[in-house]
Amino acid sequence: MSAAQNQTLESKLEALQCHFTWDLDEGDNKLFWLRDKLVDVGTEEGNRWLGHIYNLRGYIQYKLGFTEDAQSFFTKAAEAFCNIREADEGPWLVVNYGNLAWLHHLLGDKVKSQDYLSKVDALMQKYPSPSQHQLHAETYAEKAWTLMKFSRDKQLLAVDYFEKAIGMQPEMVEWRTSQVIALVSASKHSTTGLKDEILEKMRIAKEQDPENLYLAVRYLEQRAKKEDRIDKDEVRELGREILRNPVSSYGGMRAVLSVYRRYLPVDEAIALAEEALENHPDVRFLKKCVALSYKWKIIFSRESRPEQSMIEKAIRLHKEVITLYPHSSLVKKIDLANIYAKKDQGTAEQMYQDLLKMDLEPAEKQVVYNQYARYLFFDRRDYRNSIKYNMKAAEIPKQSFFRDSSIKALEKVRDRRRDPMCREIEKCLKNLPKL
């Protein structure tokens, strides 16, 4: 291939709409974490997002260096799309063929790359978008879903792309449901609940997608925030429904446990998670749910000192989950350290020191700094060092729940005007980067 031909090929590749051109660059730790999340979704037949899941898994596998796996997942994505849409071809394959064009280009196979570029061109001519300035609805929807899964920072952009897709094909119920879930995610840490118009969108989406129990749980949760009350029997019934459904991280179990924790005794959350695991003992996602419910019982318990047998069980569970998620277990390692703090301060401190020495990305460092600051404050009563680590967390220019938590902790100390570090805190808060 001549230099001119190669340049033309690369310019065509850059113009494609696919995962390789959507600015999805992240470090390996984030990619492993996302891969584990997608694996836990499962491959249950009837999942309308299965093609999108395989496409994203293929891209992640390539970024992690598993090129054969990447090609296999892209092939599975095409098969899934055709099965779900009940057709051999359609505009839903534009992104998939774009991914394959890029993959073969990066592997040095220019002929196959050009072949998939030609397939993309043929699809776009046969299934044109409404105008040259717009993408096809299927492309908007896949781009929206991918951004929604890939980054919390891009939730509102995902909402906008879903809006464009829904405007062209309003009959696609799963697009509307996912758009609403993205809207809720963008407002995740609101203590007063969602704006009325978003809550109304949730109500409509729930009526149109009655089998989506994850959406049903989130709608119930947001209604409770608005009305300041909840029907506990409705929560329990949702929990029973989720138990009867196929197991998947999309199934609503993690979400309903959070609602149990907020509105019901935590022992009920433990019982629900353990029943689910008893029904499906080999599902690692459910083991993670059980471990989480035990963490809530121990760390947030109002009991002065949890029973040692419960602490030991929680430790065993967390260690098992860490082995099941070897590349994405940072939060579970923090949870394990916090559980050890209720039993063995020396072990807890050593675990935190090991975490602080890890080669982490800025967002992960922020999590560790914030959680270590909380541990120092509540378990060690080491207020000075707690302040220092809250400042470290706040200074990392990454918007997150953990940064907000550290800033609030610092503001609380500053406003009391009693601590000798008040001037340092004031300076830190004043110089924080605006995000």
Protein backbone atom coordinates (compact mmCIF):
# COMPACT_ATOMS: atom_id res chain seq x y z
CA MET A 1 0.00 0.00 0.00
CA SER A 2 1.40 3.37 -1.03
CA ALA A 3 1.89 6.22 1.45
CA ALA A 4 -1.04 8.10 -0.13
CA GLN A 5 -3.32 5.06 0.12
CA ASN A 6 -2.27 4.50 3.72
CA GLN A 7 -3.02 8.13 4.56
CA THR A 8 -6.47 7.82 2.94
CA LEU A 9 -7.15 4.63 4.92
CA GLU A 10 -6.20 6.29 8.19
CA SER A 11 -8.34 9.36 7.48
CA LYS A 12 -11.32 7.08 6.78
CA LEU A 13 -10.68 5.19 10.02
CA GLU A 14 -10.53 8.43 12.00
CA ALA A 15 -13.92 9.44 10.56
CA LEU A 16 -15.63 6.26 11.77
CA GLN A 17 -18.08 6.19 14.66
CA CYS A 18 -16.82 3.37 16.89
CA HIS A 19 -15.15 2.67 20.23
CA PHE A 20 -11.69 3.42 18.81
CA THR A 21 -12.71 7.02 17.97
CA TRP A 22 -14.87 7.85 21.01
CA ASP A 23 -12.11 9.07 23.33
CA LEU A 24 -12.36 6.10 25.70
CA ASP A 25 -8.75 6.13 26.85
CA GLU A 26 -8.38 5.02 30.48
CA GLY A 27 -5.70 3.31 32.53
CA ASP A 28 -5.56 -0.46 32.90
CA ASN A 29 -7.03 -0.41 36.41
CA LYS A 30 -10.22 1.29 35.16
CA LEU A 31 -10.40 -1.07 32.18
CA PHE A 32 -10.12 -4.17 34.38
CA TRP A 33 -12.81 -2.76 36.68
CA LEU A 34 -15.15 -2.11 33.76
CA ARG A 35 -14.43 -5.52 32.25
CA ASP A 36 -15.46 -7.18 35.53
CA LYS A 37 -18.67 -5.15 35.59
CA LEU A 38 -19.54 -6.28 32.08
CA VAL A 39 -18.73 -9.92 32.86
CA ASP A 40 -21.14 -9.74 35.83
CA VAL A 41 -23.94 -8.58 33.55
CA GLY A 42 -23.91 -12.08 32.08
CA THR A 43 -25.04 -13.25 28.66
CA GLU A 44 -28.66 -14.05 29.45
CA GLU A 45 -30.67 -14.56 26.27
CA GLY A 46 -33.02 -11.66 25.63
CA ASN A 47 -30.69 -8.96 26.96
CA ARG A 48 -31.30 -6.15 24.47
CA TRP A 49 -27.85 -4.69 25.16
CA LEU A 50 -25.88 -7.88 24.51
CA GLY A 51 -24.40 -6.65 21.22
CA HIS A 52 -23.29 -3.41 22.84
CA ILE A 53 -21.80 -5.34 25.76
CA TYR A 54 -19.75 -7.57 23.45
CA ASN A 55 -18.56 -4.57 21.43
CA LEU A 56 -17.35 -2.79 24.55
CA ARG A 57 -15.74 -5.95 25.92
CA GLY A 58 -13.92 -6.40 22.63
CA TYR A 59 -12.55 -2.87 22.78
CA ILE A 60 -11.46 -3.32 26.41
CA GLN A 61 -9.74 -6.62 25.62
CA TYR A 62 -7.80 -4.94 22.82
CA LYS A 63 -6.72 -2.08 25.10
CA LEU A 64 -5.54 -4.63 27.67
CA GLY A 65 -3.50 -6.46 25.03
CA PHE A 66 -5.77 -9.47 24.41
CA THR A 67 -6.19 -9.07 20.64
CA GLU A 68 -7.57 -12.57 19.92
CA ASP A 69 -10.23 -12.09 22.60
CA ALA A 70 -11.04 -8.70 21.08
CA GLN A 71 -11.79 -10.20 17.66
CA SER A 72 -13.87 -12.96 19.26
CA PHE A 73 -16.02 -10.45 21.15
CA PHE A 74 -16.53 -8.28 18.07
CA THR A 75 -17.72 -11.39 16.22
CA LYS A 76 -20.08 -12.24 19.09
CA ALA A 77 -21.38 -8.66 19.02
CA ALA A 78 -22.37 -8.96 15.34
CA GLU A 79 -24.13 -12.28 16.02
CA ALA A 80 -25.96 -10.85 19.03
CA PHE A 81 -27.17 -7.79 17.10
CA CYS A 82 -28.48 -9.95 14.26
CA ASN A 83 -30.27 -12.31 16.67
CA ILE A 84 -31.84 -9.49 18.67
CA ARG A 85 -32.88 -7.48 15.60
CA GLU A 86 -33.87 -10.67 13.74
CA ALA A 87 -32.07 -9.57 10.59
CA ASP A 88 -28.76 -10.41 8.91
CA GLU A 89 -27.74 -6.79 8.53
CA GLY A 90 -28.75 -3.30 9.57
CA PRO A 91 -27.45 0.05 10.84
CA TRP A 92 -26.73 -1.50 14.23
CA LEU A 93 -23.62 -3.07 12.64
CA VAL A 94 -21.99 0.25 11.70
CA VAL A 95 -20.15 0.56 15.04
CA ASN A 96 -19.23 -3.14 15.04
CA TYR A 97 -17.75 -3.02 11.54
CA GLY A 98 -15.93 0.17 12.47
CA ASN A 99 -14.37 -1.62 15.44
CA LEU A 100 -13.27 -4.50 13.19
CA ALA A 101 -11.82 -2.07 10.63
CA TRP A 102 -9.74 -0.46 13.37
CA LEU A 103 -8.71 -3.77 14.94
CA HIS A 104 -7.37 -5.18 11.67
CA HIS A 105 -5.64 -1.88 10.89
CA LEU A 106 -3.89 -1.93 14.26
CA LEU A 107 -2.90 -5.57 13.74
CA GLY A 108 -1.36 -4.65 10.38
CA ASP A 109 -3.95 -6.33 8.12
CA LYS A 110 -4.75 -3.45 5.74
CA VAL A 111 -6.79 -5.65 3.37
CA LYS A 112 -9.28 -6.77 6.02
CA SER A 113 -9.39 -3.26 7.43
CA GLN A 114 -10.33 -1.88 4.00
CA ASP A 115 -12.91 -4.65 3.63
CA TYR A 116 -14.71 -3.56 6.82
CA LEU A 117 -14.48 0.09 5.79
CA SER A 118 -16.30 -0.89 2.60
CA LYS A 119 -18.95 -2.69 4.66
CA VAL A 120 -19.47 0.44 6.77
CA ASP A 121 -19.88 2.54 3.60
CA ALA A 122 -22.40 0.05 2.18
CA LEU A 123 -24.48 0.09 5.37
CA MET A 124 -24.47 3.87 5.57
CA GLN A 125 -25.65 4.15 1.96
CA LYS A 126 -28.39 1.56 2.49
CA TYR A 127 -29.46 2.96 5.89
CA PRO A 128 -28.68 6.70 5.77
CA SER A 129 -28.99 9.02 8.75
CA PRO A 130 -31.60 11.84 8.56
CA SER A 131 -28.93 14.36 7.53
CA GLN A 132 -25.18 14.59 6.96
CA HIS A 133 -24.83 16.37 10.30
CA GLN A 134 -26.54 13.59 12.25
CA LEU A 135 -25.67 10.00 13.08
CA HIS A 136 -28.04 7.11 12.65
CA ALA A 137 -30.26 6.45 15.67
CA GLU A 138 -28.59 3.08 16.31
CA THR A 139 -25.17 4.75 16.39
CA TYR A 140 -26.35 7.47 18.77
CA ALA A 141 -27.81 4.81 21.07
CA GLU A 142 -24.67 2.69 21.18
CA LYS A 143 -22.45 5.72 21.71
CA ALA A 144 -24.74 6.86 24.53
CA TRP A 145 -24.76 3.45 26.20
CA THR A 146 -20.98 3.14 25.93
CA LEU A 147 -20.28 6.58 27.42
CA MET A 148 -22.79 5.88 30.18
CA LYS A 149 -20.94 2.71 31.17
CA PHE A 150 -17.44 4.03 30.60
CA SER A 151 -17.44 7.25 32.57
CA ARG A 152 -19.57 8.96 35.20
CA ASP A 153 -18.26 12.27 33.87
CA LYS A 154 -20.06 11.67 30.56
CA GLN A 155 -23.52 10.76 31.85
CA LEU A 156 -25.16 13.98 30.64
CA LEU A 157 -23.54 13.63 27.21
CA ALA A 158 -24.97 10.10 27.10
CA VAL A 159 -28.41 11.52 27.98
CA ASP A 160 -28.14 13.92 25.03
CA TYR A 161 -27.20 11.16 22.59
CA PHE A 162 -30.06 8.99 23.85
CA GLU A 163 -32.40 11.95 23.31
CA LYS A 164 -31.30 12.16 19.67
CA ALA A 165 -31.76 8.41 19.19
CA ILE A 166 -35.20 8.37 20.84
CA GLY A 167 -36.30 11.32 18.71
CA MET A 168 -35.65 9.21 15.60
CA GLN A 169 -36.93 5.87 16.93
CA PRO A 170 -39.29 6.51 19.88
CA GLU A 171 -40.46 2.88 19.94
CA MET A 172 -37.11 1.67 21.38
CA VAL A 173 -38.11 1.18 25.01
CA GLU A 174 -34.64 0.15 26.22
CA TRP A 175 -33.16 3.43 24.97
CA ARG A 176 -35.61 5.47 27.01
CA THR A 177 -34.97 3.33 30.09
CA SER A 178 -31.20 3.73 29.77
CA GLN A 179 -31.54 7.47 29.25
CA VAL A 180 -33.47 7.75 32.51
CA ILE A 181 -30.89 5.61 34.34
CA ALA A 182 -28.13 7.92 33.03
CA LEU A 183 -30.08 10.94 34.29
CA VAL A 184 -30.41 9.34 37.72
CA SER A 185 -26.72 8.45 37.76
CA ALA A 186 -25.79 12.07 36.98
CA SER A 187 -27.78 13.10 40.09
CA LYS A 188 -26.60 10.14 42.16
CA HIS A 189 -25.53 11.95 45.31
CA SER A 190 -28.53 14.25 45.67
CA THR A 191 -29.96 14.01 49.20
CA THR A 192 -33.29 15.64 48.27
CA GLY A 193 -34.10 13.42 45.31
CA LEU A 194 -34.44 14.15 41.63
CA LYS A 195 -36.09 17.10 39.97
CA ASP A 196 -39.78 16.54 39.32
CA GLU A 197 -39.36 16.30 35.55
CA ILE A 198 -36.75 13.53 35.89
CA LEU A 199 -38.97 11.65 38.35
CA GLU A 200 -41.80 11.89 35.82
CA LYS A 201 -39.51 10.51 33.12
CA MET A 202 -38.73 7.61 35.47
CA ARG A 203 -42.44 6.94 36.00
CA ILE A 204 -43.12 6.87 32.27
CA ALA A 205 -40.08 4.66 31.56
CA LYS A 206 -41.16 2.24 34.31
CA GLU A 207 -44.64 1.95 32.78
CA GLN A 208 -43.15 1.28 29.35
CA ASP A 209 -40.53 -1.18 30.68
CA PRO A 210 -42.33 -2.98 33.55
CA GLU A 211 -39.94 -5.96 33.62
CA ASN A 212 -36.88 -3.80 34.35
CA LEU A 213 -36.54 -4.33 38.10
CA TYR A 214 -33.40 -2.20 38.38
CA LEU A 215 -35.43 0.77 37.16
CA ALA A 216 -38.30 -0.19 39.49
CA VAL A 217 -35.95 -0.14 42.50
CA ARG A 218 -34.44 3.21 41.56
CA TYR A 219 -37.88 4.72 40.99
CA LEU A 220 -39.06 3.52 44.40
CA GLU A 221 -35.92 4.93 46.00
CA GLN A 222 -36.35 8.35 44.39
CA ARG A 223 -40.04 8.49 45.29
CA ALA A 224 -39.10 7.80 48.89
CA LYS A 225 -36.65 10.71 48.88
CA LYS A 226 -39.32 13.04 47.52
CA GLU A 227 -42.15 11.89 49.78
CA ASP A 228 -39.96 11.22 52.84
CA ARG A 229 -41.62 7.85 53.33
CA ILE A 230 -41.55 4.39 51.79
CA ASP A 231 -43.78 1.34 51.64
CA LYS A 232 -41.54 -1.27 53.26
CA ASP A 233 -43.70 -4.12 51.96
CA GLU A 234 -43.18 -2.80 48.42
CA VAL A 235 -39.41 -2.90 49.01
CA ARG A 236 -39.62 -6.49 50.25
CA GLU A 237 -41.79 -7.55 47.30
CA LEU A 238 -39.27 -6.08 44.86
CA GLY A 239 -36.55 -8.05 46.63
CA ARG A 240 -38.56 -11.26 46.18
CA GLU A 241 -39.15 -10.49 42.50
CA ILE A 242 -35.44 -9.96 41.94
CA LEU A 243 -34.73 -13.32 43.59
CA ARG A 244 -37.03 -15.01 41.07
CA ASN A 245 -35.37 -13.40 38.04
CA PRO A 246 -32.25 -14.61 36.18
CA VAL A 247 -29.05 -13.57 37.96
CA SER A 248 -27.29 -10.53 36.54
CA SER A 249 -25.73 -7.34 37.84
CA TYR A 250 -28.44 -5.70 35.68
CA GLY A 251 -31.08 -7.53 37.70
CA GLY A 252 -31.40 -5.02 40.52
CA MET A 253 -29.97 -7.00 43.46
CA ARG A 254 -27.26 -4.48 44.33
CA ALA A 255 -29.74 -1.63 44.01
CA VAL A 256 -32.42 -3.23 46.16
CA LEU A 257 -29.90 -4.07 48.88
CA SER A 258 -29.07 -0.36 49.09
CA VAL A 259 -32.75 0.40 49.59
CA TYR A 260 -33.00 -2.38 52.22
CA ARG A 261 -30.06 -0.85 54.06
CA ARG A 262 -31.66 2.59 54.06
CA TYR A 263 -35.21 1.67 55.05
CA LEU A 264 -35.14 -1.81 56.62
CA PRO A 265 -33.00 -3.56 59.25
CA VAL A 266 -29.64 -4.46 57.71
CA ASP A 267 -30.19 -8.08 58.79
CA GLU A 268 -32.92 -8.27 56.14
CA ALA A 269 -30.43 -7.15 53.49
CA ILE A 270 -28.02 -9.87 54.66
CA ALA A 271 -30.79 -12.50 54.54
CA LEU A 272 -31.85 -11.49 51.01
CA ALA A 273 -28.28 -11.54 49.69
CA GLU A 274 -27.53 -14.87 51.35
CA GLU A 275 -30.71 -16.44 49.92
CA ALA A 276 -29.73 -15.28 46.44
CA LEU A 277 -26.25 -16.78 46.88
CA GLU A 278 -27.70 -20.02 48.24
CA ASN A 279 -29.79 -20.28 45.06
CA HIS A 280 -26.75 -19.53 42.85
CA PRO A 281 -23.65 -20.48 44.89
CA ASP A 282 -21.15 -20.04 42.04
CA VAL A 283 -22.11 -16.49 41.04
CA ARG A 284 -19.29 -14.20 42.18
CA PHE A 285 -21.44 -11.06 41.86
CA LEU A 286 -23.76 -12.42 44.56
CA LYS A 287 -20.79 -13.20 46.82
CA LYS A 288 -19.83 -9.56 46.47
CA CYS A 289 -23.38 -8.55 47.44
CA VAL A 290 -23.25 -10.71 50.58
CA ALA A 291 -19.85 -9.28 51.53
CA LEU A 292 -21.22 -5.76 51.06
CA SER A 293 -24.20 -6.39 53.33
CA TYR A 294 -21.92 -7.72 56.08
CA LYS A 295 -19.72 -4.63 55.72
CA TRP A 296 -22.77 -2.44 56.31
CA LYS A 297 -23.65 -4.44 59.41
CA ILE A 298 -20.16 -4.13 60.90
CA ILE A 299 -18.95 -0.69 59.86
CA PHE A 300 -22.21 1.22 60.11
CA SER A 301 -23.72 -0.77 62.95
CA ARG A 302 -25.07 1.14 65.93
CA GLU A 303 -23.92 -1.70 68.14
CA SER A 304 -20.87 -0.66 70.16
CA ARG A 305 -18.92 -3.74 69.12
CA PRO A 306 -20.06 -6.30 66.51
CA GLU A 307 -19.80 -9.98 67.41
CA GLN A 308 -16.41 -11.48 66.64
CA SER A 309 -17.99 -14.36 64.72
CA MET A 310 -19.64 -11.88 62.36
CA ILE A 311 -16.39 -9.96 61.89
CA GLU A 312 -14.58 -13.22 61.08
CA LYS A 313 -17.25 -14.18 58.54
CA ALA A 314 -17.06 -10.75 56.91
CA ILE A 315 -13.27 -11.03 56.68
CA ARG A 316 -13.51 -14.45 55.01
CA LEU A 317 -16.11 -13.18 52.56
CA HIS A 318 -14.08 -10.13 51.59
CA LYS A 319 -10.92 -12.16 51.11
CA GLU A 320 -12.80 -14.53 48.81
CA VAL A 321 -14.29 -11.66 46.79
CA ILE A 322 -10.83 -10.10 46.41
CA THR A 323 -9.56 -13.36 44.90
CA LEU A 324 -12.57 -13.44 42.55
CA TYR A 325 -11.89 -9.87 41.38
CA PRO A 326 -8.07 -9.77 41.35
CA HIS A 327 -7.84 -6.74 39.04
CA SER A 328 -10.71 -4.63 40.38
CA SER A 329 -10.85 -5.14 44.13
CA LEU A 330 -9.49 -1.82 45.44
CA VAL A 331 -12.75 -0.89 47.19
CA LYS A 332 -13.04 -4.38 48.71
CA LYS A 333 -9.48 -4.11 50.04
CA ILE A 334 -10.44 -0.81 51.69
CA ASP A 335 -13.58 -2.43 53.10
CA LEU A 336 -11.48 -5.30 54.45
CA ALA A 337 -9.11 -2.86 56.17
CA ASN A 338 -12.08 -1.08 57.75
CA ILE A 339 -13.52 -4.37 58.98
CA TYR A 340 -10.14 -5.33 60.47
CA ALA A 341 -10.19 -1.98 62.28
CA LYS A 342 -13.01 -3.38 64.43
CA LYS A 343 -10.80 -6.30 65.44
CA ASP A 344 -7.09 -5.66 64.88
CA GLN A 345 -5.81 -2.09 64.48
CA GLY A 346 -2.33 -3.24 63.55
CA THR A 347 -3.53 -5.28 60.59
CA ALA A 348 -5.87 -2.51 59.47
CA GLU A 349 -3.06 0.07 59.54
CA GLN A 350 -0.70 -2.23 57.62
CA MET A 351 -3.36 -2.82 54.96
CA TYR A 352 -3.83 0.92 54.52
CA GLN A 353 -0.08 1.45 54.29
CA ASP A 354 0.06 -1.19 51.54
CA LEU A 355 -2.78 0.57 49.71
CA LEU A 356 -1.02 3.93 49.98
CA LYS A 357 2.09 2.42 48.35
CA MET A 358 0.19 0.99 45.37
CA ASP A 359 0.63 2.39 41.87
CA LEU A 360 -2.82 3.92 41.52
CA GLU A 361 -4.48 6.31 39.13
CA PRO A 362 -5.44 9.75 40.56
CA ALA A 363 -9.12 8.86 41.03
CA GLU A 364 -8.13 5.71 42.92
CA LYS A 365 -5.64 7.59 45.09
CA GLN A 366 -8.45 9.98 45.95
CA VAL A 367 -10.59 7.08 47.19
CA VAL A 368 -7.75 5.69 49.32
CA TYR A 369 -6.86 9.10 50.80
CA ASN A 370 -10.48 9.84 51.69
CA GLN A 371 -11.09 6.44 53.25
CA TYR A 372 -7.81 6.48 55.15
CA ALA A 373 -8.73 9.92 56.50
CA ARG A 374 -12.06 8.52 57.76
CA TYR A 375 -10.27 5.54 59.32
CA LEU A 376 -7.78 7.82 61.07
CA PHE A 377 -10.60 10.02 62.38
CA PHE A 378 -13.10 7.42 63.57
CA ASP A 379 -10.93 4.42 64.46
CA ARG A 380 -7.56 5.91 65.43
CA ARG A 381 -8.68 9.33 66.70
CA ASP A 382 -5.66 10.70 64.83
CA TYR A 383 -7.29 14.00 63.85
CA ARG A 384 -4.16 15.75 62.56
CA ASN A 385 -3.27 13.08 60.02
CA SER A 386 -6.93 12.68 59.12
CA ILE A 387 -6.95 16.34 58.09
CA LYS A 388 -3.76 15.86 56.05
CA TYR A 389 -5.22 12.98 54.06
CA ASN A 390 -8.52 14.76 53.52
CA MET A 391 -6.48 17.63 52.04
CA LYS A 392 -4.64 15.17 49.78
CA ALA A 393 -7.97 13.77 48.54
CA ALA A 394 -9.47 17.23 47.97
CA GLU A 395 -6.42 18.44 46.02
CA ILE A 396 -6.78 15.75 43.36
CA PRO A 397 -8.70 17.51 40.53
CA LYS A 398 -11.29 14.79 40.01
CA GLN A 399 -14.96 15.40 40.79
CA SER A 400 -16.32 12.55 42.89
CA PHE A 401 -18.26 11.62 46.00
CA PHE A 402 -14.94 11.04 47.80
CA ARG A 403 -13.57 14.49 46.98
CA ASP A 404 -16.82 16.09 48.13
CA SER A 405 -16.67 14.04 51.34
CA SER A 406 -13.14 15.22 52.12
CA ILE A 407 -13.98 18.85 51.35
CA LYS A 408 -17.00 18.72 53.68
CA ALA A 409 -14.86 17.20 56.44
CA LEU A 410 -12.29 19.99 56.04
CA GLU A 411 -14.97 22.69 56.01
CA LYS A 412 -16.45 21.28 59.19
CA VAL A 413 -13.11 21.54 61.01
CA ARG A 414 -12.46 25.02 59.59
CA ASP A 415 -15.87 26.34 60.66
CA ARG A 416 -15.33 25.27 64.26
CA ARG A 417 -12.18 27.45 64.39
CA ARG A 418 -10.62 25.33 67.13
CA ASP A 419 -8.07 23.20 65.35
CA PRO A 420 -4.44 24.44 65.13
CA MET A 421 -4.46 23.39 61.45
CA CYS A 422 -7.27 25.82 60.55
CA ARG A 423 -4.93 28.11 58.59
CA GLU A 424 -3.59 25.20 56.55
CA ILE A 425 -7.15 24.01 55.88
CA GLU A 426 -8.22 27.52 54.84
CA LYS A 427 -5.29 27.76 52.44
CA CYS A 428 -5.98 24.30 51.02
CA LEU A 429 -9.67 25.04 50.41
CA LYS A 430 -8.92 28.44 48.89
CA ASN A 431 -6.44 26.98 46.39
CA LEU A 432 -8.49 23.96 45.30
CA PRO A 433 -8.84 23.78 41.50
CA LYS A 434 -12.28 24.65 40.19
CA LEU A 435 -13.86 21.65 38.46
